[in-house]
């Protein structure tokens, strides 16, 4: 009986941890979206750049 209880407790813990991981993934995706959002709020990838400035000089 005790072994069955341990197995159930472990399964419950794994489900709780999976739920936490899913929530953290959602949070990370949201934060990444905010970080890469362009200054004008458009996600087109066509944000204006400074003329003559190469992409190698851009730091994130």
Protein backbone atom coordinates (compact mmCIF):
# COMPACT_ATOMS: atom_id res chain seq x y z
CA UNK A 1 0.00 0.00 0.00
CA UNK A 2 2.74 2.45 0.90
CA UNK A 3 4.42 1.98 -2.47
CA UNK A 4 1.16 2.74 -4.26
CA UNK A 5 0.79 5.93 -2.22
CA UNK A 6 4.36 6.96 -3.09
CA UNK A 7 3.65 6.38 -6.78
CA UNK A 8 0.48 8.48 -6.63
CA UNK A 9 2.32 11.24 -4.76
CA UNK A 10 5.08 11.21 -7.36
CA UNK A 11 2.60 11.36 -10.23
CA UNK A 12 0.82 14.28 -8.56
CA UNK A 13 4.15 16.07 -8.10
CA UNK A 14 5.11 15.48 -11.73
CA UNK A 15 1.77 16.95 -12.87
CA UNK A 16 2.31 19.99 -10.63
CA UNK A 17 5.81 20.48 -12.00
CA UNK A 18 4.58 20.12 -15.59
CA UNK A 19 1.96 22.78 -14.91
CA UNK A 20 4.65 25.10 -13.53
CA UNK A 21 6.86 24.46 -16.57
CA UNK A 22 3.97 25.27 -18.91
CA UNK A 23 3.29 28.53 -17.07
CA UNK A 24 6.98 29.48 -17.19
CA UNK A 25 7.14 28.73 -20.92
CA UNK A 26 4.20 31.06 -21.49
CA UNK A 27 5.87 33.76 -19.40
CA UNK A 28 9.18 33.39 -21.27
CA UNK A 29 7.39 33.62 -24.63
CA UNK A 30 5.59 36.76 -23.49
CA UNK A 31 8.82 38.33 -22.27
CA UNK A 32 10.61 37.46 -25.51
CA UNK A 33 7.78 39.01 -27.50
CA UNK A 34 8.14 42.22 -25.49
CA UNK A 35 11.92 42.23 -25.86
CA UNK A 36 11.92 41.80 -29.64
CA UNK A 37 8.99 44.16 -30.23
CA UNK A 38 10.00 47.01 -32.45
CA UNK A 39 9.83 50.59 -31.14
CA UNK A 40 6.75 51.40 -33.21
CA UNK A 41 4.96 48.31 -31.87
CA UNK A 42 4.92 46.60 -35.26
CA UNK A 43 6.37 43.10 -35.57
CA UNK A 44 7.21 43.43 -39.26
CA UNK A 45 10.97 43.20 -38.96
CA UNK A 46 11.23 46.43 -40.90
CA UNK A 47 12.11 48.85 -38.13
CA UNK A 48 14.01 51.88 -39.40
CA UNK A 49 17.76 51.74 -38.95
CA UNK A 50 20.36 54.46 -38.86
CA UNK A 51 21.72 55.02 -42.38
CA UNK A 52 25.22 53.65 -42.80
CA UNK A 53 25.06 51.54 -39.68
CA UNK A 54 25.68 47.89 -40.41
CA UNK A 55 23.86 45.14 -38.52
CA UNK A 56 27.17 43.96 -37.03
CA UNK A 57 27.25 47.16 -35.00
CA UNK A 58 23.86 46.51 -33.43
CA UNK A 59 23.91 45.14 -29.89
CA UNK A 60 20.96 43.58 -28.07
